[in-house]
C-alpha cells in the first residue's frame, strides 16, 4: 500500500509544478513583453524622428548623436538605486511609476525646437527609465526557476527587436503625414508616449511583487514555487554582501562585456535608419518598412537562443556566438557593398547580436543571491549603458568629421569581437545552496 500511495502522490506533484510554471508564464510574460515594447519605442523613437527633425529643425548628425547619447548619463546614474528599489520596496510600484514618468516626458519631447531642449528632454527621459530594465530582470528571478529563466528573459527581451518590427513601419508612416499643421515627427513622440502612461497605470493593478502575495495562484502552487526558488539560491548567496558582489571579478567582467556589446547595439539602433536611408535613397515610409526585416530575424534568433540555452543549461557560448555573427556582418559592411539586398543581409547579421541578451542576463541572477543580484544587475547595466552614450555619439562625430560610416562600423566590429571573447571568460553558474529534491518529492 505504501508503494501505491507514493505512486499516486508523484503525479500530483508533477501536475502542480507543471501547472504553476505555465500559469506564471502565461500571466506575467505577455504583459511584461508589452511593457518593454513601450519602453523601447520611447527610448529609440529619436532614431526615426531624426529623419524629420533634420529637415525641419536643421539638426546635424552630431546633434542627434549627442541627443541619443545624453539619455544614458542620467540612465546610468540611477540604475543601481532603481534595481534595489524593486528588490527592497516594490516592483509593482516602481515599474508603474517609471512608466508613467517616461511616457509623460516622451509626449513633452514633441515640443522640442532647439538642440538644448532636445538634450534636456533626453536627459530627463533617461532618469525616468533607469529602474525599469534592471528591475524587471530581478523581478523575473522572483518568479522563474533556473530551468526557465533564459526562456523567460528571451520572451521578455524579444520586445527589443519586435518593437522595431512594429515601430519602424509605424514611425515611417507617421513621419510621412502632418495633422493639424503639426509635423509628423512631433506626432510620433505623442502617439508613442501615451501608451506608456496607460500601461503604467495598468501595471500597478496587474503585477504582483512576490509569489507569496499571488492570490491568482493556488496555495499549493505558491508553496511549491517558493520552496523551489529557495532550493536554487546560490551557495553562500544569502550571505553575499551587496558591496562584495559589486567588487567581484565576475561582476566587473560582465560589466565590461555589457559595455562592449551595448556599444554595438545602441550604435546600430540609432544609426541604422540613417545608414539605410542614405544607402537606398528610399522614402521615410519605405525605410521604415524595410528596416523592420533585420529586427524580425533578431526576434526569432532571441527565442531560439534562449530556448536552446535552457535546454543545455549553457550560457557563455550562447552569449558569445551572436556577437561573432554580428562581427562578420560588420566586416561585410566595411567593404561598402553596393547591393541593397546584400546590405540588408549584413545589417541582419549585425542585428542578430540581440540574441546574446537573454542568455547573458540569466548569468548574474544565477551567480548571486537576490539582494546582491539586484545591485549587480543594476551596476552591470549602468556600466554597459555608458556605451549607450559613447556609441551613438562617437558614430555621429566620426561620420561628421570624415563623411563616412566606415570608422564607426570599425569600432563596432572591434567591440563585437572583444565582447564575444570576453564573455567566454565568465564563470559558470554557481551551484545551488541546497540540492533540488527530485520533482516527485518536491
Protein backbone atom coordinates (compact mmCIF):
# COMPACT_ATOMS: atom_id res chain seq x y z
CA UNK A 1 0.00 0.00 0.00
CA UNK A 2 2.89 2.34 0.74
CA UNK A 3 4.19 1.85 -2.80
CA UNK A 4 0.78 2.52 -4.27
CA UNK A 5 0.49 5.69 -2.17
CA UNK A 6 3.81 7.09 -3.40
CA UNK A 7 2.86 6.38 -6.96
CA UNK A 8 -0.35 8.30 -6.63
CA UNK A 9 1.41 11.22 -4.90
CA UNK A 10 4.03 11.72 -7.61
CA UNK A 11 1.67 12.62 -10.48
CA UNK A 12 0.00 15.20 -8.22
CA UNK A 13 3.35 16.92 -7.59
CA UNK A 14 4.22 16.88 -11.27
CA UNK A 15 0.82 18.33 -12.05
CA UNK A 16 1.22 21.18 -9.54
CA UNK A 17 4.72 22.00 -10.81
CA UNK A 18 3.74 21.97 -14.48
CA UNK A 19 0.54 23.95 -13.91
CA UNK A 20 2.36 26.54 -11.80
CA UNK A 21 5.14 27.15 -14.35
CA UNK A 22 2.67 27.57 -17.21
CA UNK A 23 0.33 29.72 -15.16
CA UNK A 24 3.10 32.15 -14.18
CA UNK A 25 4.48 32.36 -17.71
CA UNK A 26 1.04 32.97 -19.20
CA UNK A 27 0.17 35.69 -16.70
CA UNK A 28 3.42 37.66 -16.42
CA UNK A 29 5.41 37.33 -19.66
CA UNK A 30 2.89 38.72 -22.19
CA UNK A 31 2.27 41.78 -20.00
CA UNK A 32 5.98 42.42 -19.34
CA UNK A 33 6.60 41.94 -23.05
CA UNK A 34 4.12 44.69 -23.89
CA UNK A 35 5.67 46.98 -21.27
CA UNK A 36 9.12 46.55 -22.79
CA UNK A 37 7.84 47.28 -26.28
CA UNK A 38 6.53 50.60 -24.96
CA UNK A 39 9.85 51.18 -23.21
CA UNK A 40 11.98 50.62 -26.28
CA UNK A 41 9.74 52.60 -28.58
CA UNK A 42 10.03 55.60 -26.28
CA UNK A 43 13.78 55.18 -25.90
CA UNK A 44 14.63 54.77 -29.58
CA UNK A 45 11.98 56.74 -31.46
CA UNK A 46 14.56 59.51 -31.87
CA UNK A 47 16.28 57.34 -34.48
CA UNK A 48 13.32 57.75 -36.84
CA UNK A 49 12.24 61.18 -35.65
CA UNK A 50 15.71 62.37 -36.69
CA UNK A 51 14.73 61.94 -40.34
CA UNK A 52 12.08 64.66 -39.95
CA UNK A 53 13.84 66.78 -37.32
CA UNK A 54 16.91 67.20 -39.53
CA UNK A 55 14.71 68.70 -42.26
CA UNK A 56 12.52 70.89 -40.03
CA UNK A 57 15.00 71.98 -37.34
CA UNK A 58 18.32 71.68 -39.19
CA UNK A 59 19.90 69.39 -36.57
CA UNK A 60 23.20 67.80 -37.64
CA UNK A 61 24.40 64.20 -37.15
CA UNK A 62 26.48 65.42 -34.23
CA UNK A 63 23.40 66.91 -32.52
CA UNK A 64 21.49 63.65 -32.91
CA UNK A 65 24.46 61.60 -31.72
CA UNK A 66 24.70 63.69 -28.57
CA UNK A 67 20.92 63.70 -28.14
CA UNK A 68 20.80 59.91 -28.40
CA UNK A 69 23.72 59.51 -26.02
CA UNK A 70 22.88 62.04 -23.32
CA UNK A 71 19.90 59.89 -22.37
CA UNK A 72 22.35 57.46 -20.79
CA UNK A 73 24.02 59.93 -18.44
CA UNK A 74 21.03 60.04 -16.10
CA UNK A 75 20.04 56.48 -17.02
CA UNK A 76 23.38 55.17 -15.76
CA UNK A 77 23.34 57.19 -12.54
CA UNK A 78 20.05 55.68 -11.32
CA UNK A 79 20.47 52.04 -12.37
CA UNK A 80 21.58 50.57 -9.03
CA UNK A 81 19.07 52.56 -6.91
CA UNK A 82 16.30 51.56 -9.30
CA UNK A 83 17.15 47.86 -9.13
CA UNK A 84 17.43 47.93 -5.34
CA UNK A 85 14.04 49.65 -5.03
CA UNK A 86 12.47 46.77 -6.95
CA UNK A 87 14.12 44.26 -4.61
CA UNK A 88 13.64 46.09 -1.31
CA UNK A 89 10.47 48.14 -1.93
CA UNK A 90 8.05 47.04 -4.65
CA UNK A 91 8.40 46.00 -8.27
CA UNK A 92 4.77 46.83 -8.95
CA UNK A 93 5.05 50.41 -7.68
CA UNK A 94 8.49 51.02 -9.20
CA UNK A 95 7.57 49.79 -12.67
CA UNK A 96 4.28 51.70 -12.63
CA UNK A 97 5.89 54.98 -11.57
CA UNK A 98 8.71 54.80 -14.12
CA UNK A 99 6.32 54.09 -16.98
CA UNK A 100 4.01 56.99 -16.19
CA UNK A 101 7.01 59.32 -15.86
CA UNK A 102 8.75 58.32 -19.08
CA UNK A 103 5.50 58.31 -21.09
CA UNK A 104 4.80 61.87 -20.00
CA UNK A 105 8.33 63.00 -20.89
CA UNK A 106 8.11 61.35 -24.32
CA UNK A 107 4.95 63.31 -25.08
CA UNK A 108 6.66 66.55 -23.98
CA UNK A 109 9.60 65.83 -26.36
CA UNK A 110 7.22 66.75 -29.18
CA UNK A 111 7.68 70.41 -28.11
CA UNK A 112 11.45 70.41 -28.84
CA UNK A 113 12.72 73.24 -31.06
CA UNK A 114 16.42 73.66 -30.18
CA UNK A 115 19.36 71.29 -29.54
CA UNK A 116 19.40 72.34 -25.87
CA UNK A 117 15.76 71.39 -25.46
CA UNK A 118 16.44 68.03 -27.09
CA UNK A 119 19.34 67.34 -24.72
CA UNK A 120 17.23 68.27 -21.67
CA UNK A 121 14.32 66.08 -22.78
CA UNK A 122 16.58 63.09 -23.37
CA UNK A 123 18.40 63.56 -20.05
CA UNK A 124 15.12 63.55 -18.11
CA UNK A 125 13.83 60.59 -20.08
CA UNK A 126 16.93 58.60 -19.12
CA UNK A 127 16.33 59.33 -15.43
CA UNK A 128 12.71 58.20 -15.74
CA UNK A 129 13.56 54.90 -17.43
CA UNK A 130 16.57 53.96 -15.30
CA UNK A 131 14.92 51.49 -12.93
CA UNK A 132 12.78 49.63 -15.44
CA UNK A 133 15.12 47.14 -17.14
CA UNK A 134 17.25 46.03 -14.16
CA UNK A 135 14.08 45.94 -12.10
CA UNK A 136 12.36 43.52 -14.48
CA UNK A 137 15.45 41.27 -14.69
CA UNK A 138 15.44 41.00 -10.89
CA UNK A 139 11.65 40.60 -10.88
CA UNK A 140 11.90 37.58 -13.22
CA UNK A 141 14.26 35.89 -10.74
CA UNK A 142 11.44 36.15 -8.14
CA UNK A 143 9.14 34.06 -10.30
CA UNK A 144 11.12 31.77 -12.62
CA UNK A 145 13.44 28.92 -11.64
CA UNK A 146 16.74 28.37 -13.42
CA UNK A 147 15.42 25.88 -15.96
CA UNK A 148 13.01 28.54 -17.25
CA UNK A 149 14.95 31.75 -16.70
CA UNK A 150 16.65 32.22 -20.09
CA UNK A 151 13.41 31.37 -21.90
CA UNK A 152 11.55 33.85 -19.72
CA UNK A 153 14.20 36.51 -20.33
CA UNK A 154 14.17 35.85 -24.08
CA UNK A 155 10.38 36.19 -24.15
CA UNK A 156 10.63 39.50 -22.30
CA UNK A 157 13.62 40.87 -24.22
CA UNK A 158 12.18 39.76 -27.53
CA UNK A 159 10.30 43.04 -27.22
CA UNK A 160 13.51 44.88 -28.23
CA UNK A 161 13.67 43.70 -31.85
CA UNK A 162 9.90 43.32 -32.12
CA UNK A 163 9.42 46.94 -31.03
CA UNK A 164 11.44 47.87 -34.11
CA UNK A 165 9.49 45.43 -36.30
CA UNK A 166 6.30 47.18 -35.23
CA UNK A 167 7.71 50.64 -34.67
CA UNK A 168 9.68 51.04 -37.91
CA UNK A 169 6.71 50.91 -40.31
CA UNK A 170 4.58 52.87 -37.82
CA UNK A 171 7.22 55.58 -37.48
CA UNK A 172 7.77 55.72 -41.24
CA UNK A 173 4.04 56.16 -41.83
CA UNK A 174 3.66 58.88 -39.18
CA UNK A 175 6.69 60.81 -40.49
CA UNK A 176 5.09 61.00 -43.92
CA UNK A 177 1.95 62.70 -42.56
CA UNK A 178 1.18 66.03 -40.93
CA UNK A 179 -2.01 66.59 -38.95
CA UNK A 180 -3.41 69.89 -37.72
CA UNK A 181 -0.36 71.68 -39.15
CA UNK A 182 1.91 69.69 -36.80
CA UNK A 183 4.87 67.81 -38.25
CA UNK A 184 4.78 64.01 -38.29
CA UNK A 185 7.84 63.58 -36.07
CA UNK A 186 6.10 65.55 -33.30
CA UNK A 187 3.08 63.24 -33.54
CA UNK A 188 5.49 60.30 -33.30
CA UNK A 189 6.52 61.31 -29.78
CA UNK A 190 2.92 61.93 -28.71
CA UNK A 191 1.48 58.70 -30.08
CA UNK A 192 4.28 56.56 -28.65
CA UNK A 193 4.27 58.24 -25.22
CA UNK A 194 0.57 57.89 -24.39
CA UNK A 195 0.56 54.03 -24.31
CA UNK A 196 3.36 54.04 -21.69
CA UNK A 197 1.24 56.21 -19.38
CA UNK A 198 -1.79 53.93 -19.71
CA UNK A 199 0.28 50.76 -19.27
CA UNK A 200 1.95 52.24 -16.19
CA UNK A 201 -1.46 52.63 -14.55
CA UNK A 202 -2.37 49.06 -15.54
CA UNK A 203 0.92 47.68 -14.14
CA UNK A 204 0.09 48.99 -10.66
CA UNK A 205 -3.04 46.85 -10.50
CA UNK A 206 -1.88 43.83 -12.54
CA UNK A 207 1.61 42.93 -11.27
CA UNK A 208 2.32 41.03 -8.03
CA UNK A 209 5.61 41.54 -6.19
CA UNK A 210 6.23 38.03 -4.80
CA UNK A 211 4.78 34.51 -5.18
CA UNK A 212 3.55 34.58 -1.57
CA UNK A 213 1.29 37.54 -2.45
CA UNK A 214 -0.19 35.97 -5.59
CA UNK A 215 -3.90 35.46 -4.94
CA UNK A 216 -4.18 34.19 -8.52
CA UNK A 217 -2.14 31.09 -7.57
CA UNK A 218 -3.49 28.21 -5.52
CA UNK A 219 -1.90 27.69 -2.06
CA UNK A 220 -0.17 24.50 -3.26
CA UNK A 221 1.28 26.39 -6.23
CA UNK A 222 2.62 29.21 -4.06
CA UNK A 223 4.24 26.76 -1.67
CA UNK A 224 5.85 24.73 -4.44
CA UNK A 225 7.28 27.80 -6.17
CA UNK A 226 8.67 29.40 -3.01
CA UNK A 227 10.30 26.13 -1.97
CA UNK A 228 11.79 25.61 -5.44
CA UNK A 229 13.26 29.11 -5.60
CA UNK A 230 14.80 28.73 -2.13
CA UNK A 231 16.43 25.46 -3.17
CA UNK A 232 18.02 27.13 -6.17
CA UNK A 233 19.64 30.02 -4.33
CA UNK A 234 23.44 30.01 -4.94
CA UNK A 235 25.64 28.58 -2.21
CA UNK A 236 26.56 31.50 0.05
CA UNK A 237 24.12 33.69 -1.88
CA UNK A 238 22.27 34.82 1.24
CA UNK A 239 25.45 35.98 2.94
CA UNK A 240 26.99 37.70 -0.08
CA UNK A 241 27.08 41.41 0.70
CA UNK A 242 25.95 43.85 -1.96
CA UNK A 243 29.25 45.74 -1.87
CA UNK A 244 31.22 42.49 -2.06
CA UNK A 245 29.22 41.43 -5.13
CA UNK A 246 29.82 44.77 -6.86
CA UNK A 247 33.59 44.41 -6.40
CA UNK A 248 33.80 40.78 -7.53
CA UNK A 249 35.86 39.90 -10.58
CA UNK A 250 32.94 38.10 -12.21
CA UNK A 251 30.60 41.10 -11.97
CA UNK A 252 33.24 43.52 -13.25
CA UNK A 253 33.91 41.20 -16.19
CA UNK A 254 30.19 41.00 -17.01
CA UNK A 255 30.00 44.80 -16.81
CA UNK A 256 32.90 45.11 -19.30
CA UNK A 257 31.16 42.67 -21.66
CA UNK A 258 27.96 44.68 -21.44
CA UNK A 259 29.76 47.91 -22.28
CA UNK A 260 31.29 46.39 -25.42
CA UNK A 261 28.07 44.76 -26.54
CA UNK A 262 25.89 47.79 -25.87
CA UNK A 263 28.34 49.87 -27.90
CA UNK A 264 27.40 47.70 -30.87
CA UNK A 265 23.67 47.52 -30.20
CA UNK A 266 22.97 51.18 -29.45
CA UNK A 267 25.15 52.41 -32.32
CA UNK A 268 23.15 50.15 -34.61
CA UNK A 269 19.75 51.13 -33.17
CA UNK A 270 20.26 54.87 -33.57
CA UNK A 271 22.15 54.94 -36.88
CA UNK A 272 20.61 52.05 -38.84
CA UNK A 273 17.70 54.14 -40.23
CA UNK A 274 20.09 56.90 -41.33
CA UNK A 275 22.52 54.44 -42.93
CA UNK A 276 19.68 52.66 -44.74
CA UNK A 277 18.19 55.97 -45.90
CA UNK A 278 21.47 57.23 -47.37
CA UNK A 279 22.36 53.88 -48.89
CA UNK A 280 18.99 53.28 -50.55
CA UNK A 281 17.58 56.76 -51.17
CA UNK A 282 14.13 55.39 -50.28
CA UNK A 283 11.29 57.43 -48.77
CA UNK A 284 10.85 57.59 -44.99
CA UNK A 285 7.94 55.17 -45.18
CA UNK A 286 9.90 52.60 -47.22
CA UNK A 287 12.91 52.94 -44.90
CA UNK A 288 10.58 52.11 -42.01
CA UNK A 289 9.15 49.06 -43.78
CA UNK A 290 12.49 47.69 -44.97
CA UNK A 291 14.13 48.49 -41.64
CA UNK A 292 11.79 46.05 -39.87
CA UNK A 293 13.29 42.96 -41.57
CA UNK A 294 16.56 42.66 -39.55
CA UNK A 295 14.68 43.08 -36.28
CA UNK A 296 12.20 40.34 -37.18
CA UNK A 297 15.08 37.90 -37.71
CA UNK A 298 16.66 39.05 -34.43
CA UNK A 299 13.40 38.37 -32.58
CA UNK A 300 13.31 34.77 -33.81
CA UNK A 301 17.01 34.32 -33.01
CA UNK A 302 16.47 35.51 -29.43
CA UNK A 303 13.70 33.00 -28.80
CA UNK A 304 15.64 30.07 -30.28
CA UNK A 305 18.84 31.01 -28.44
CA UNK A 306 17.08 31.33 -25.08
CA UNK A 307 15.27 28.00 -25.53
CA UNK A 308 18.45 26.19 -26.58
CA UNK A 309 20.43 27.71 -23.71
CA UNK A 310 17.93 26.47 -21.12
CA UNK A 311 17.84 23.06 -22.74
CA UNK A 312 21.61 22.63 -22.44
CA UNK A 313 21.99 24.74 -19.25
CA UNK A 314 24.82 26.65 -21.01
CA UNK A 315 25.10 30.45 -21.06
CA UNK A 316 28.56 31.59 -22.20
CA UNK A 317 28.76 30.23 -25.76
CA UNK A 318 25.11 31.10 -26.32
CA UNK A 319 26.06 34.69 -25.46
CA UNK A 320 29.28 34.78 -27.49
CA UNK A 321 28.18 33.27 -30.82
CA UNK A 322 25.61 36.01 -31.69
CA UNK A 323 28.35 38.62 -31.18
CA UNK A 324 30.71 36.77 -33.51
CA UNK A 325 27.96 36.65 -36.16
CA UNK A 326 27.48 40.42 -35.75
CA UNK A 327 31.22 40.94 -36.20
CA UNK A 328 31.11 39.09 -39.54
CA UNK A 329 28.23 41.31 -40.66
CA UNK A 330 30.13 44.46 -39.68
CA UNK A 331 33.17 43.28 -41.59
CA UNK A 332 30.98 42.87 -44.67
CA UNK A 333 29.54 46.38 -44.27
CA UNK A 334 33.05 47.84 -44.08
CA UNK A 335 33.59 46.63 -47.64
CA UNK A 336 30.74 49.01 -48.54
CA UNK A 337 28.55 46.72 -50.65
CA UNK A 338 26.64 48.46 -53.43
CA UNK A 339 23.83 45.90 -53.47
CA UNK A 340 20.82 46.81 -51.30
CA UNK A 341 19.74 43.16 -50.74
CA UNK A 342 23.27 42.23 -49.63
CA UNK A 343 23.39 45.22 -47.32
CA UNK A 344 20.10 44.13 -45.70
CA UNK A 345 21.57 40.65 -45.12
CA UNK A 346 24.65 42.18 -43.48
CA UNK A 347 22.53 44.55 -41.37
CA UNK A 348 20.52 41.50 -40.28
CA UNK A 349 23.70 39.72 -39.17
CA UNK A 350 24.65 42.76 -37.07
CA UNK A 351 21.15 42.86 -35.60
CA UNK A 352 21.47 39.20 -34.58
CA UNK A 353 23.70 40.40 -31.72
CA UNK A 354 20.42 40.86 -29.83
CA UNK A 355 20.28 37.08 -29.39
CA UNK A 356 23.02 37.31 -26.75
CA UNK A 357 20.79 39.26 -24.35
CA UNK A 358 18.53 36.58 -22.80
CA UNK A 359 21.33 34.12 -22.08
CA UNK A 360 23.70 36.80 -20.80
CA UNK A 361 21.19 38.28 -18.34
CA UNK A 362 20.48 34.83 -16.89
CA UNK A 363 24.09 34.72 -15.61
CA UNK A 364 24.16 37.31 -12.76
CA UNK A 365 20.92 36.10 -11.15
CA UNK A 366 22.35 32.55 -11.14
CA UNK A 367 25.66 33.62 -9.60
CA UNK A 368 24.29 35.67 -6.69
CA UNK A 369 21.53 35.80 -4.11
CA UNK A 370 18.59 38.12 -4.73
CA UNK A 371 19.72 41.32 -2.95
CA UNK A 372 23.26 41.09 -4.33
CA UNK A 373 21.91 40.18 -7.77
CA UNK A 374 19.67 43.26 -7.79
CA UNK A 375 22.63 45.57 -7.16
CA UNK A 376 24.85 43.63 -9.58
CA UNK A 377 22.29 43.76 -12.41
CA UNK A 378 21.92 47.50 -11.83
CA UNK A 379 25.68 48.07 -11.89
CA UNK A 380 26.29 45.84 -14.93
CA UNK A 381 23.57 47.60 -16.90
CA UNK A 382 24.78 51.00 -15.67
CA UNK A 383 28.34 50.46 -16.86
CA UNK A 384 27.10 48.91 -20.08
CA UNK A 385 24.76 51.81 -20.66
CA UNK A 386 27.68 54.24 -20.71
CA UNK A 387 28.19 52.76 -24.17
CA UNK A 388 24.67 53.92 -24.97
CA UNK A 389 26.11 57.41 -24.78
CA UNK A 390 29.54 56.68 -26.24
CA UNK A 391 28.39 54.56 -29.18
CA UNK A 392 25.82 56.82 -30.89
CA UNK A 393 27.83 59.96 -30.10
CA UNK A 394 31.15 58.64 -31.44
CA UNK A 395 29.43 57.20 -34.50
CA UNK A 396 27.83 60.57 -35.30
CA UNK A 397 31.01 62.51 -34.51
CA UNK A 398 33.19 60.31 -36.74
CA UNK A 399 30.67 60.46 -39.56
CA UNK A 400 30.51 64.26 -39.34
CA UNK A 401 34.31 64.58 -39.34
CA UNK A 402 35.07 62.02 -42.05
CA UNK A 403 31.89 61.87 -44.14
CA UNK A 404 31.98 58.06 -43.92
CA UNK A 405 30.32 55.40 -41.76
CA UNK A 406 33.41 53.18 -42.02
CA UNK A 407 35.15 54.42 -38.87
CA UNK A 408 32.07 53.91 -36.74
CA UNK A 409 31.50 50.45 -38.21
CA UNK A 410 35.13 49.60 -37.46
CA UNK A 411 34.70 50.50 -33.79
CA UNK A 412 31.56 48.36 -33.65
CA UNK A 413 33.47 45.43 -35.18
CA UNK A 414 36.23 45.60 -32.56
CA UNK A 415 33.65 45.84 -29.76
CA UNK A 416 31.68 42.83 -31.00
CA UNK A 417 34.78 40.65 -31.22
CA UNK A 418 36.12 41.73 -27.84
CA UNK A 419 32.76 41.25 -26.14
CA UNK A 420 32.34 37.76 -27.59
CA UNK A 421 35.80 36.68 -26.45
CA UNK A 422 35.43 38.23 -23.00
CA UNK A 423 32.12 36.51 -22.19
CA UNK A 424 33.84 33.15 -22.65
CA UNK A 425 35.95 34.04 -19.59
CA UNK A 426 32.87 34.46 -17.37
CA UNK A 427 32.35 31.87 -14.60
CA UNK A 428 29.74 29.17 -14.89
CA UNK A 429 26.62 29.47 -12.76
CA UNK A 430 27.06 28.84 -9.06
CA UNK A 431 25.73 25.65 -7.53
CA UNK A 432 22.50 25.86 -5.56
CA UNK A 433 22.83 26.14 -1.82
CA UNK A 434 20.67 23.05 -1.40
CA UNK A 435 20.34 20.25 -3.87
CA UNK A 436 16.99 20.31 -5.55
CA UNK A 437 14.88 17.42 -4.41
CA UNK A 438 13.58 15.09 -7.10
CA UNK A 439 10.43 16.53 -8.60
CA UNK A 440 8.38 13.55 -7.44
CA UNK A 441 9.09 14.65 -3.84
CA UNK A 442 9.28 18.43 -4.34
